[in-house]
Amino acid sequence: MSGSDSQEAGLPRPGHGGVFGRRMGRPLRLGQTALMQDALPRLELPADGALLLTALFPEAAELRLEIGFGGGEHLADHAARRPHAGFIGCEPFRNGVAKFLEQAEARALTNVRVWSGDAGLVIDRLPEASLAGADLFYPDPWPKRRQRKRRFVSDDTLLRLARVLQPGAALRFATDIDDYAGWTLARVLRSPHYAWVATKADDWRLPWADWPSTRYEAKAIREGRPPAYLTILRTDRPA
């Protein structure tokens, strides 16, 4: 999720309510309101039941997840580049969902389903080893020490994602906050289910080959916050 939205794709945890922060920003434009009424029901995930690739995308070869897609730039671009794949995008911020729907309509995307709520509820409904990849871009850093328990990345989150990622699948993580990059790596490195793929500095300093930059990222770089791009592989099966 873009940090510009100041919104976390919340993961329910014991003692917490799941989604933190705002669910709505500026009033939607008339066209966005129409898309939320007409297009969202067509693209929205079913409210319950297992999320099966064959049911959601009968012709897709693989299933991918984006957690907190912000304004939807990455999700729309990746879905357009990979028409053979099915994508699930999670974003509780309604303005972000509306922005993505505009792009989905403009590009006539049919290989995306949207969940406008807690990403954790989606993760727990996915079958074991069902994801070919997962993306978490610019999540809310919750910088104050007392807020850090709200961060999406946690030992529990990584364990739950490990269940649904296929062996060798990549979890891609991007942030412009040094502390959050270190926080994430600390939890990845102590997990038996992941390996950080980096052999030289450019492996985390440079974005991925299919990366579409955004205005938020450009602003972060101008303000002296160079992003980190972490590629984390799922390395084994949980006990």
C-alpha atoms as a PDB file:
ATOM      1  CA  MET A   1       0.000   0.000   0.000  1.00  0.00           C
ATOM      2  CA  SER A   2       1.273   3.410  -0.856  1.00  0.00           C
ATOM      3  CA  GLY A   3       2.572   5.290   2.153  1.00  0.00           C
ATOM      4  CA  SER A   4       0.853   8.389   0.777  1.00  0.00           C
ATOM      5  CA  ASP A   5      -2.482   6.972   1.828  1.00  0.00           C
ATOM      6  CA  SER A   6      -1.375   6.633   5.490  1.00  0.00           C
ATOM      7  CA  GLN A   7      -3.417   3.470   5.691  1.00  0.00           C
ATOM      8  CA  GLU A   8      -2.540  -0.065   6.706  1.00  0.00           C
ATOM      9  CA  ALA A   9      -3.909  -3.210   5.139  1.00  0.00           C
ATOM     10  CA  GLY A  10      -4.731  -4.498   8.586  1.00  0.00           C
ATOM     11  CA  LEU A  11      -4.082  -8.004   9.726  1.00  0.00           C
ATOM     12  CA  PRO A  12      -6.174  -9.108  12.688  1.00  0.00           C
ATOM     13  CA  ARG A  13      -4.005 -10.067  15.628  1.00  0.00           C
ATOM     14  CA  PRO A  14      -4.869 -11.139  19.134  1.00  0.00           C
ATOM     15  CA  GLY A  15      -5.828  -8.063  21.100  1.00  0.00           C
ATOM     16  CA  HIS A  16      -6.172  -5.831  18.047  1.00  0.00           C
ATOM     17  CA  GLY A  17      -9.099  -4.865  15.846  1.00  0.00           C
ATOM     18  CA  GLY A  18      -7.433  -5.535  12.501  1.00  0.00           C
ATOM     19  CA  VAL A  19      -7.555  -2.389  10.352  1.00  0.00           C
ATOM     20  CA  PHE A  20      -5.883   0.701  11.803  1.00  0.00           C
ATOM     21  CA  GLY A  21      -6.308   4.272  10.566  1.00  0.00           C
ATOM     22  CA  ARG A  22      -8.784   5.832   8.196  1.00  0.00           C
ATOM     23  CA  ARG A  23     -11.106   3.891   5.913  1.00  0.00           C
ATOM     24  CA  MET A  24     -12.198   6.956   3.913  1.00  0.00           C
ATOM     25  CA  GLY A  25     -10.513  10.184   2.806  1.00  0.00           C
ATOM     26  CA  ARG A  26     -11.859  12.849   0.484  1.00  0.00           C
ATOM     27  CA  PRO A  27     -15.384  12.394  -0.883  1.00  0.00           C
ATOM     28  CA  LEU A  28     -15.370  10.280  -4.020  1.00  0.00           C
ATOM     29  CA  ARG A  29     -15.962  11.913  -7.370  1.00  0.00           C
ATOM     30  CA  LEU A  30     -19.212  11.136  -9.142  1.00  0.00           C
ATOM     31  CA  GLY A  31     -17.529   8.713 -11.543  1.00  0.00           C
ATOM     32  CA  GLN A  32     -15.744   6.945  -8.701  1.00  0.00           C
ATOM     33  CA  THR A  33     -18.994   6.555  -6.796  1.00  0.00           C
ATOM     34  CA  ALA A  34     -20.546   4.953  -9.873  1.00  0.00           C
ATOM     35  CA  LEU A  35     -17.623   2.537 -10.169  1.00  0.00           C
ATOM     36  CA  MET A  36     -17.942   1.567  -6.508  1.00  0.00           C
ATOM     37  CA  GLN A  37     -21.602   0.777  -7.131  1.00  0.00           C
ATOM     38  CA  ASP A  38     -21.280  -0.924 -10.520  1.00  0.00           C
ATOM     39  CA  ALA A  39     -17.742  -2.240 -11.045  1.00  0.00           C
ATOM     40  CA  LEU A  40     -16.786  -3.239  -7.504  1.00  0.00           C
ATOM     41  CA  PRO A  41     -19.517  -5.892  -7.149  1.00  0.00           C
ATOM     42  CA  ARG A  42     -18.179  -7.564 -10.314  1.00  0.00           C
ATOM     43  CA  LEU A  43     -14.595  -7.602  -9.080  1.00  0.00           C
ATOM     44  CA  GLU A  44     -15.078  -8.082  -5.344  1.00  0.00           C
ATOM     45  CA  LEU A  45     -14.101 -11.340  -3.678  1.00  0.00           C
ATOM     46  CA  PRO A  46     -16.898 -13.470  -2.246  1.00  0.00           C
ATOM     47  CA  ALA A  47     -17.468 -12.698   1.420  1.00  0.00           C
ATOM     48  CA  ASP A  48     -16.782 -16.229   2.666  1.00  0.00           C
ATOM     49  CA  GLY A  49     -15.506 -19.634   1.657  1.00  0.00           C
ATOM     50  CA  ALA A  50     -12.149 -20.873   0.389  1.00  0.00           C
ATOM     51  CA  LEU A  51     -10.501 -18.721  -2.276  1.00  0.00           C
ATOM     52  CA  LEU A  52      -9.689 -21.208  -5.037  1.00  0.00           C
ATOM     53  CA  LEU A  53      -7.806 -20.304  -8.213  1.00  0.00           C
ATOM     54  CA  THR A  54     -10.066 -22.482 -10.344  1.00  0.00           C
ATOM     55  CA  ALA A  55     -13.185 -20.748  -9.043  1.00  0.00           C
ATOM     56  CA  LEU A  56     -11.904 -17.167  -9.166  1.00  0.00           C
ATOM     57  CA  PHE A  57      -9.890 -17.363 -12.381  1.00  0.00           C
ATOM     58  CA  PRO A  58     -10.722 -20.558 -14.323  1.00  0.00           C
ATOM     59  CA  GLU A  59      -8.219 -19.782 -17.092  1.00  0.00           C
ATOM     60  CA  ALA A  60      -5.351 -18.478 -14.940  1.00  0.00           C
ATOM     61  CA  ALA A  61      -2.142 -20.454 -14.462  1.00  0.00           C
ATOM     62  CA  GLU A  62      -1.229 -18.966 -11.077  1.00  0.00           C
ATOM     63  CA  LEU A  63      -2.535 -16.818  -8.237  1.00  0.00           C
ATOM     64  CA  ARG A  64      -0.810 -13.736  -6.815  1.00  0.00           C
ATOM     65  CA  LEU A  65      -1.618 -11.411  -3.899  1.00  0.00           C
ATOM     66  CA  GLU A  66      -0.994  -7.693  -3.333  1.00  0.00           C
ATOM     67  CA  ILE A  67      -1.465  -6.553   0.254  1.00  0.00           C
ATOM     68  CA  GLY A  68      -2.502  -2.916   0.583  1.00  0.00           C
ATOM     69  CA  PHE A  69      -2.466  -1.699  -3.018  1.00  0.00           C
ATOM     70  CA  GLY A  70      -2.928   2.004  -2.214  1.00  0.00           C
ATOM     71  CA  GLY A  71      -3.999   3.780  -5.410  1.00  0.00           C
ATOM     72  CA  GLY A  72      -3.652   0.562  -7.404  1.00  0.00           C
ATOM     73  CA  GLU A  73      -0.831   1.610  -9.743  1.00  0.00           C
ATOM     74  CA  HIS A  74       1.268  -1.491  -9.122  1.00  0.00           C
ATOM     75  CA  LEU A  75      -1.681  -3.872  -9.092  1.00  0.00           C
ATOM     76  CA  ALA A  76      -3.093  -2.587 -12.384  1.00  0.00           C
ATOM     77  CA  ASP A  77       0.305  -2.619 -14.062  1.00  0.00           C
ATOM     78  CA  HIS A  78       1.205  -6.126 -12.883  1.00  0.00           C
ATOM     79  CA  ALA A  79      -2.187  -7.524 -13.849  1.00  0.00           C
ATOM     80  CA  ALA A  80      -1.888  -6.012 -17.325  1.00  0.00           C
ATOM     81  CA  ARG A  81       1.646  -7.417 -17.729  1.00  0.00           C
ATOM     82  CA  ARG A  82       0.610 -10.900 -16.584  1.00  0.00           C
ATOM     83  CA  PRO A  83      -2.725 -11.773 -18.184  1.00  0.00           C
ATOM     84  CA  HIS A  84      -2.048 -15.470 -17.517  1.00  0.00           C
ATOM     85  CA  ALA A  85      -2.123 -14.856 -13.735  1.00  0.00           C
ATOM     86  CA  GLY A  86      -4.991 -14.142 -11.380  1.00  0.00           C
ATOM     87  CA  PHE A  87      -4.507 -11.335  -8.845  1.00  0.00           C
ATOM     88  CA  ILE A  88      -6.134 -10.626  -5.494  1.00  0.00           C
ATOM     89  CA  GLY A  89      -5.686  -7.062  -4.266  1.00  0.00           C
ATOM     90  CA  CYS A  90      -6.457  -6.042  -0.674  1.00  0.00           C
ATOM     91  CA  GLU A  91      -7.028  -2.422   0.327  1.00  0.00           C
ATOM     92  CA  PRO A  92      -9.293  -1.155   3.141  1.00  0.00           C
ATOM     93  CA  PHE A  93      -8.986   2.520   2.106  1.00  0.00           C
ATOM     94  CA  ARG A  94     -12.067   3.194  -0.026  1.00  0.00           C
ATOM     95  CA  ASN A  95     -10.488   6.015  -2.002  1.00  0.00           C
ATOM     96  CA  GLY A  96      -7.691   3.674  -3.052  1.00  0.00           C
ATOM     97  CA  VAL A  97     -10.185   1.049  -4.194  1.00  0.00           C
ATOM     98  CA  ALA A  98     -11.989   3.681  -6.275  1.00  0.00           C
ATOM     99  CA  LYS A  99      -8.709   4.760  -7.908  1.00  0.00           C
ATOM    100  CA  PHE A 100      -7.877   1.169  -8.775  1.00  0.00           C
ATOM    101  CA  LEU A 101     -11.322   0.612 -10.297  1.00  0.00           C
ATOM    102  CA  GLU A 102     -10.713   3.552 -12.634  1.00  0.00           C
ATOM    103  CA  GLN A 103      -7.534   1.870 -13.875  1.00  0.00           C
ATOM    104  CA  ALA A 104      -9.137  -1.556 -14.105  1.00  0.00           C
ATOM    105  CA  GLU A 105     -11.940  -0.156 -16.265  1.00  0.00           C
ATOM    106  CA  ALA A 106      -9.526   1.812 -18.469  1.00  0.00           C
ATOM    107  CA  ARG A 107      -7.375  -1.291 -19.056  1.00  0.00           C
ATOM    108  CA  ALA A 108     -10.322  -3.716 -19.217  1.00  0.00           C
ATOM    109  CA  LEU A 109      -8.708  -5.925 -16.573  1.00  0.00           C
ATOM    110  CA  THR A 110     -10.530  -9.175 -15.900  1.00  0.00           C
ATOM    111  CA  ASN A 111      -7.836 -11.027 -13.936  1.00  0.00           C
ATOM    112  CA  VAL A 112      -8.136  -9.098 -10.647  1.00  0.00           C
ATOM    113  CA  ARG A 113     -10.405  -9.527  -7.639  1.00  0.00           C
ATOM    114  CA  VAL A 114     -10.585  -6.914  -4.888  1.00  0.00           C
ATOM    115  CA  TRP A 115     -10.996  -7.180  -1.125  1.00  0.00           C
ATOM    116  CA  SER A 116     -11.767  -3.855   0.564  1.00  0.00           C
ATOM    117  CA  GLY A 117     -11.036  -5.065   4.069  1.00  0.00           C
ATOM    118  CA  ASP A 118      -8.456  -6.857   6.223  1.00  0.00           C
ATOM    119  CA  ALA A 119      -5.791  -8.681   4.241  1.00  0.00           C
ATOM    120  CA  GLY A 120      -5.520 -11.225   7.043  1.00  0.00           C
ATOM    121  CA  LEU A 121      -9.040 -12.441   6.346  1.00  0.00           C
ATOM    122  CA  VAL A 122      -7.992 -13.209   2.776  1.00  0.00           C
ATOM    123  CA  ILE A 123      -4.756 -14.926   3.774  1.00  0.00           C
ATOM    124  CA  ASP A 124      -6.565 -17.258   6.136  1.00  0.00           C
ATOM    125  CA  ARG A 125      -9.062 -18.259   3.429  1.00  0.00           C
ATOM    126  CA  LEU A 126      -6.420 -19.221   0.883  1.00  0.00           C
ATOM    127  CA  PRO A 127      -5.530 -22.893   0.431  1.00  0.00           C
ATOM    128  CA  GLU A 128      -2.107 -24.094   1.482  1.00  0.00           C
ATOM    129  CA  ALA A 129       0.670 -23.364  -1.031  1.00  0.00           C
ATOM    130  CA  SER A 130      -1.739 -21.564  -3.363  1.00  0.00           C
ATOM    131  CA  LEU A 131       0.185 -18.329  -4.022  1.00  0.00           C
ATOM    132  CA  ALA A 132       2.865 -17.968  -6.688  1.00  0.00           C
ATOM    133  CA  GLY A 133       3.877 -14.663  -5.128  1.00  0.00           C
ATOM    134  CA  ALA A 134       2.854 -11.880  -2.748  1.00  0.00           C
ATOM    135  CA  ASP A 135       3.629  -8.151  -2.736  1.00  0.00           C
ATOM    136  CA  LEU A 136       3.666  -5.655   0.128  1.00  0.00           C
ATOM    137  CA  PHE A 137       4.667  -2.183  -1.085  1.00  0.00           C
ATOM    138  CA  TYR A 138       5.051   0.884   1.127  1.00  0.00           C
ATOM    139  CA  PRO A 139       2.929  -0.243   4.067  1.00  0.00           C
ATOM    140  CA  ASP A 140       2.206   2.291   6.782  1.00  0.00           C
ATOM    141  CA  PRO A 141       5.382   2.367   8.920  1.00  0.00           C
ATOM    142  CA  TRP A 142       3.666   3.316  12.188  1.00  0.00           C
ATOM    143  CA  PRO A 143       6.916   5.043  13.250  1.00  0.00           C
ATOM    144  CA  LYS A 144       6.220   5.708  16.927  1.00  0.00           C
ATOM    145  CA  ARG A 145       7.444   2.972  19.246  1.00  0.00           C
ATOM    146  CA  ARG A 146       4.019   2.432  20.805  1.00  0.00           C
ATOM    147  CA  GLN A 147       2.519   2.010  17.314  1.00  0.00           C
ATOM    148  CA  ARG A 148       4.899  -0.600  15.986  1.00  0.00           C
ATOM    149  CA  LYS A 149       2.695  -3.467  17.099  1.00  0.00           C
ATOM    150  CA  ARG A 150       0.324  -2.251  14.364  1.00  0.00           C
ATOM    151  CA  ARG A 151       2.814  -2.900  11.575  1.00  0.00           C
ATOM    152  CA  PHE A 152       1.646  -5.446   9.073  1.00  0.00           C
ATOM    153  CA  VAL A 153       4.905  -7.395   9.152  1.00  0.00           C
ATOM    154  CA  SER A 154       5.172  -9.539  12.256  1.00  0.00           C
ATOM    155  CA  ASP A 155       6.276 -13.052  13.151  1.00  0.00           C
ATOM    156  CA  ASP A 156       2.624 -14.104  13.057  1.00  0.00           C
ATOM    157  CA  THR A 157       1.996 -12.494   9.661  1.00  0.00           C
ATOM    158  CA  LEU A 158       5.010 -14.191   8.136  1.00  0.00           C
ATOM    159  CA  LEU A 159       3.957 -17.556   9.526  1.00  0.00           C
ATOM    160  CA  ARG A 160       0.469 -17.203   8.092  1.00  0.00           C
ATOM    161  CA  LEU A 161       1.866 -16.138   4.719  1.00  0.00           C
ATOM    162  CA  ALA A 162       4.279 -19.081   4.771  1.00  0.00           C
ATOM    163  CA  ARG A 163       1.321 -21.439   4.837  1.00  0.00           C
ATOM    164  CA  VAL A 164      -0.121 -20.092   1.587  1.00  0.00           C
ATOM    165  CA  LEU A 165       3.046 -19.319  -0.395  1.00  0.00           C
ATOM    166  CA  GLN A 166       4.352 -22.013  -2.689  1.00  0.00           C
ATOM    167  CA  PRO A 167       7.919 -23.258  -2.091  1.00  0.00           C
ATOM    168  CA  GLY A 168      10.237 -20.869  -3.896  1.00  0.00           C
ATOM    169  CA  ALA A 169       7.579 -18.158  -4.211  1.00  0.00           C
ATOM    170  CA  ALA A 170       8.712 -14.588  -3.575  1.00  0.00           C
ATOM    171  CA  LEU A 171       7.369 -12.128  -1.047  1.00  0.00           C
ATOM    172  CA  ARG A 172       8.365  -8.693  -2.377  1.00  0.00           C
ATOM    173  CA  PHE A 173       8.570  -5.860   0.126  1.00  0.00           C
ATOM    174  CA  ALA A 174       9.304  -2.181  -0.548  1.00  0.00           C
ATOM    175  CA  THR A 175       9.614   0.679   1.926  1.00  0.00           C
ATOM    176  CA  ASP A 176      11.229   4.106   2.118  1.00  0.00           C
ATOM    177  CA  ILE A 177      11.566   3.837   5.919  1.00  0.00           C
ATOM    178  CA  ASP A 178      14.942   2.411   7.012  1.00  0.00           C
ATOM    179  CA  ASP A 179      13.567   1.276  10.350  1.00  0.00           C
ATOM    180  CA  TYR A 180      10.794  -0.733   8.692  1.00  0.00           C
ATOM    181  CA  ALA A 181      13.249  -2.405   6.312  1.00  0.00           C
ATOM    182  CA  GLY A 182      15.382  -3.448   9.294  1.00  0.00           C
ATOM    183  CA  TRP A 183      12.284  -4.519  11.237  1.00  0.00           C
ATOM    184  CA  THR A 184      11.191  -6.744   8.360  1.00  0.00           C
ATOM    185  CA  LEU A 185      14.608  -8.284   7.792  1.00  0.00           C
ATOM    186  CA  ALA A 186      14.973  -9.093  11.490  1.00  0.00           C
ATOM    187  CA  ARG A 187      11.752 -11.118  11.390  1.00  0.00           C
ATOM    188  CA  VAL A 188      12.548 -12.758   8.068  1.00  0.00           C
ATOM    189  CA  LEU A 189      16.023 -13.831   9.168  1.00  0.00           C
ATOM    190  CA  ARG A 190      14.772 -15.457  12.380  1.00  0.00           C
ATOM    191  CA  SER A 191      12.035 -17.357  10.543  1.00  0.00           C
ATOM    192  CA  PRO A 192      12.780 -20.912   9.363  1.00  0.00           C
ATOM    193  CA  HIS A 193      10.429 -20.433   6.401  1.00  0.00           C
ATOM    194  CA  TYR A 194      12.133 -17.634   4.452  1.00  0.00           C
ATOM    195  CA  ALA A 195      15.417 -16.557   2.904  1.00  0.00           C
ATOM    196  CA  TRP A 196      16.371 -13.013   1.925  1.00  0.00           C
ATOM    197  CA  VAL A 197      17.682 -12.977  -1.644  1.00  0.00           C
ATOM    198  CA  ALA A 198      20.515 -10.441  -1.761  1.00  0.00           C
ATOM    199  CA  THR A 199      24.190 -10.891  -2.624  1.00  0.00           C
ATOM    200  CA  LYS A 200      25.104  -7.256  -3.340  1.00  0.00           C
ATOM    201  CA  ALA A 201      23.787  -3.811  -2.456  1.00  0.00           C
ATOM    202  CA  ASP A 202      22.024  -3.294  -5.779  1.00  0.00           C
ATOM    203  CA  ASP A 203      19.847  -6.304  -4.999  1.00  0.00           C
ATOM    204  CA  TRP A 204      17.966  -4.173  -2.480  1.00  0.00           C
ATOM    205  CA  ARG A 205      18.763  -0.683  -3.735  1.00  0.00           C
ATOM    206  CA  LEU A 206      17.350  -1.172  -7.236  1.00  0.00           C
ATOM    207  CA  PRO A 207      13.698  -1.970  -7.963  1.00  0.00           C
ATOM    208  CA  TRP A 208      12.511  -5.063  -9.767  1.00  0.00           C
ATOM    209  CA  ALA A 209      12.582  -5.190 -13.571  1.00  0.00           C
ATOM    210  CA  ASP A 210       8.800  -4.857 -13.868  1.00  0.00           C
ATOM    211  CA  TRP A 211       8.549  -2.019 -11.325  1.00  0.00           C
ATOM    212  CA  PRO A 212       6.314   0.970 -12.177  1.00  0.00           C
ATOM    213  CA  SER A 213       7.397   3.955 -10.100  1.00  0.00           C
ATOM    214  CA  THR A 214       4.796   6.212  -8.475  1.00  0.00           C
ATOM    215  CA  ARG A 215       4.542   9.850  -7.407  1.00  0.00           C
ATOM    216  CA  TYR A 216       4.879   8.763  -3.770  1.00  0.00           C
ATOM    217  CA  GLU A 217       8.133   6.945  -4.486  1.00  0.00           C
ATOM    218  CA  ALA A 218       9.525   9.877  -6.488  1.00  0.00           C
ATOM    219  CA  LYS A 219       8.682  12.230  -3.611  1.00  0.00           C
ATOM    220  CA  ALA A 220      10.386   9.925  -1.092  1.00  0.00           C
ATOM    221  CA  ILE A 221      13.562   9.898  -3.182  1.00  0.00           C
ATOM    222  CA  ARG A 222      13.508  13.700  -3.553  1.00  0.00           C
ATOM    223  CA  GLU A 223      13.156  14.024   0.214  1.00  0.00           C
ATOM    224  CA  GLY A 224      16.175  11.811   0.847  1.00  0.00           C
ATOM    225  CA  ARG A 225      14.394   8.537   1.654  1.00  0.00           C
ATOM    226  CA  PRO A 226      15.731   6.039  -0.903  1.00  0.00           C
ATOM    227  CA  PRO A 227      13.544   2.919  -0.935  1.00  0.00           C
ATOM    228  CA  ALA A 228      14.647  -0.596  -0.106  1.00  0.00           C
ATOM    229  CA  TYR A 229      13.366  -3.421  -2.304  1.00  0.00           C
ATOM    230  CA  LEU A 230      13.508  -6.771  -0.530  1.00  0.00           C
ATOM    231  CA  THR A 231      12.971 -10.099  -2.276  1.00  0.00           C
ATOM    232  CA  ILE A 232      12.184 -12.811   0.276  1.00  0.00           C
ATOM    233  CA  LEU A 233      11.773 -16.438  -0.807  1.00  0.00           C
ATOM    234  CA  ARG A 234       9.579 -19.079   0.758  1.00  0.00           C
ATOM    235  CA  THR A 235      12.077 -21.824   1.429  1.00  0.00           C
ATOM    236  CA  ASP A 236      10.284 -24.809   2.965  1.00  0.00           C
ATOM    237  CA  ARG A 237       6.981 -26.230   4.146  1.00  0.00           C
ATOM    238  CA  PRO A 238       5.762 -25.480   7.691  1.00  0.00           C
ATOM    239  CA  ALA A 239       5.697 -28.312  10.220  1.00  0.00           C
END
